[in-house]
N, C-alpha and C. Protein backbone atom coordinates (compact mmCIF):
# COMPACT_ATOMS: atom_id res chain seq x y z
N ILE A 1 -73.78 68.93 53.74
CA ILE A 1 -74.42 68.90 55.01
C ILE A 1 -75.96 68.71 54.81
N VAL A 2 -76.54 69.42 53.91
CA VAL A 2 -77.92 69.08 53.72
C VAL A 2 -78.16 67.77 53.39
N ASN A 3 -77.47 67.27 52.41
CA ASN A 3 -77.60 65.83 52.06
C ASN A 3 -77.53 64.79 53.31
N ARG A 4 -76.62 65.17 54.00
CA ARG A 4 -76.36 64.32 55.22
C ARG A 4 -77.52 64.34 56.15
N SER A 5 -78.06 65.52 56.38
CA SER A 5 -79.26 65.80 57.33
C SER A 5 -80.43 64.89 56.66
N THR A 6 -80.61 64.95 55.46
CA THR A 6 -81.72 64.18 54.85
C THR A 6 -81.49 62.76 54.99
N THR A 7 -80.28 62.31 54.70
CA THR A 7 -80.02 60.88 54.88
C THR A 7 -80.25 60.41 56.36
N ASN A 8 -79.81 61.31 57.31
CA ASN A 8 -80.00 60.94 58.70
C ASN A 8 -81.56 60.82 59.00
N SER A 9 -82.40 61.67 58.50
CA SER A 9 -83.75 61.69 58.72
C SER A 9 -84.41 60.39 58.15
N LEU A 10 -83.84 59.99 56.93
CA LEU A 10 -84.39 58.85 56.37
C LEU A 10 -83.98 57.70 57.04
N ASP A 11 -82.73 57.68 57.53
CA ASP A 11 -82.22 56.37 58.26
C ASP A 11 -83.08 56.41 59.57
N PHE A 12 -83.26 57.45 60.20
CA PHE A 12 -84.02 57.42 61.51
C PHE A 12 -85.45 56.83 61.29
N SER A 13 -86.09 57.32 60.19
CA SER A 13 -87.41 56.92 59.89
C SER A 13 -87.39 55.37 59.63
N ASN A 14 -86.44 54.96 58.96
CA ASN A 14 -86.37 53.39 58.74
C ASN A 14 -85.99 52.64 59.91
N LYS A 15 -85.16 53.17 60.79
CA LYS A 15 -84.80 52.55 61.93
C LYS A 15 -85.74 52.66 63.15
N ASN A 16 -86.63 53.61 63.02
CA ASN A 16 -87.58 53.83 63.99
C ASN A 16 -88.42 52.71 64.41
N PRO A 17 -89.18 52.00 63.49
CA PRO A 17 -89.91 50.89 63.71
C PRO A 17 -89.22 49.78 64.56
N PRO A 18 -88.07 49.21 64.02
CA PRO A 18 -87.38 48.13 64.67
C PRO A 18 -86.88 48.51 66.04
N ILE A 19 -86.56 49.78 66.24
CA ILE A 19 -86.02 50.16 67.59
C ILE A 19 -87.01 49.87 68.73
N ASP A 20 -86.57 49.53 69.84
CA ASP A 20 -87.43 49.26 70.97
C ASP A 20 -88.22 50.49 71.34
N PRO A 21 -89.46 50.41 71.72
CA PRO A 21 -90.23 51.66 72.17
C PRO A 21 -89.46 52.45 73.24
N LEU A 22 -88.81 51.78 74.15
CA LEU A 22 -88.09 52.55 75.22
C LEU A 22 -86.93 53.21 74.72
N LYS A 23 -86.26 52.66 73.63
CA LYS A 23 -85.05 53.21 73.08
C LYS A 23 -85.44 54.31 72.00
N SER A 24 -86.64 54.23 71.49
CA SER A 24 -87.09 55.09 70.38
C SER A 24 -86.99 56.58 70.82
N PRO A 25 -87.66 57.02 71.92
CA PRO A 25 -87.50 58.39 72.41
C PRO A 25 -86.06 58.79 72.68
N ARG A 26 -85.30 57.85 73.18
CA ARG A 26 -83.88 58.26 73.60
C ARG A 26 -83.20 58.53 72.25
N SER A 27 -83.37 57.66 71.20
CA SER A 27 -82.70 57.81 70.02
C SER A 27 -83.22 59.13 69.42
N TYR A 28 -84.29 59.54 69.45
CA TYR A 28 -84.79 60.78 68.91
C TYR A 28 -84.06 61.98 69.60
N GLU A 29 -84.08 61.82 70.88
CA GLU A 29 -83.28 62.93 71.63
C GLU A 29 -81.82 63.03 71.20
N HIS A 30 -81.21 61.94 71.14
CA HIS A 30 -79.76 61.93 70.68
C HIS A 30 -79.60 62.33 69.23
N SER A 31 -80.60 62.06 68.44
CA SER A 31 -80.68 62.57 67.14
C SER A 31 -80.59 64.00 66.95
N ASP A 32 -81.06 64.74 67.97
CA ASP A 32 -81.00 66.19 67.95
C ASP A 32 -80.31 66.73 69.07
N PRO A 33 -78.94 66.92 68.79
CA PRO A 33 -78.00 67.27 69.99
C PRO A 33 -78.48 68.68 70.52
N ILE A 34 -78.97 69.57 69.66
CA ILE A 34 -79.40 70.86 70.12
C ILE A 34 -80.61 70.78 71.19
N ALA A 35 -81.44 69.94 70.86
CA ALA A 35 -82.60 69.72 71.69
C ALA A 35 -82.08 69.09 73.00
N ASP A 36 -81.07 68.20 72.93
CA ASP A 36 -80.63 67.45 74.16
C ASP A 36 -79.90 68.58 74.89
N ARG A 37 -79.33 69.53 74.31
CA ARG A 37 -78.42 70.56 75.09
C ARG A 37 -79.33 71.69 75.74
N ILE A 38 -80.47 72.03 75.15
CA ILE A 38 -81.32 73.02 75.79
C ILE A 38 -81.64 72.67 77.18
N PRO A 39 -82.06 71.40 77.61
CA PRO A 39 -82.46 71.17 78.91
C PRO A 39 -81.30 71.33 79.83
N CYS A 40 -80.06 71.02 79.44
CA CYS A 40 -78.85 71.10 80.18
C CYS A 40 -78.72 72.63 80.53
N VAL A 41 -78.87 73.45 79.46
CA VAL A 41 -78.67 74.89 79.69
C VAL A 41 -79.74 75.46 80.62
N VAL A 42 -80.93 75.00 80.50
CA VAL A 42 -81.97 75.44 81.32
C VAL A 42 -81.65 75.09 82.77
N VAL A 43 -81.19 73.91 83.05
CA VAL A 43 -80.78 73.41 84.34
C VAL A 43 -79.75 74.30 84.92
N GLU A 44 -78.75 74.76 84.17
CA GLU A 44 -77.68 75.53 84.54
C GLU A 44 -78.17 76.82 84.96
N LEU A 45 -79.03 77.43 84.11
CA LEU A 45 -79.59 78.79 84.45
C LEU A 45 -80.45 78.75 85.73
N SER A 46 -81.26 77.64 85.84
CA SER A 46 -82.02 77.41 87.09
C SER A 46 -81.12 77.42 88.25
N SER A 47 -79.96 76.72 88.19
CA SER A 47 -79.12 76.58 89.26
C SER A 47 -78.61 77.88 89.71
N GLN A 48 -78.16 78.67 88.69
CA GLN A 48 -77.55 79.98 88.99
C GLN A 48 -78.56 80.83 89.68
N THR A 49 -79.68 80.84 89.23
CA THR A 49 -80.78 81.82 89.69
C THR A 49 -80.92 81.63 91.15
């Protein structure tokens, strides 16, 4: 798992420059599913409150 994470980070760094600026931030968010999930949870909590 650790090796895979490192590989993903390296791949992302290498693919970052060619990726379109508009797609770059999107890719970064998708690269981190946890970070992408936090906002959803916050929205759910806000809706419940």
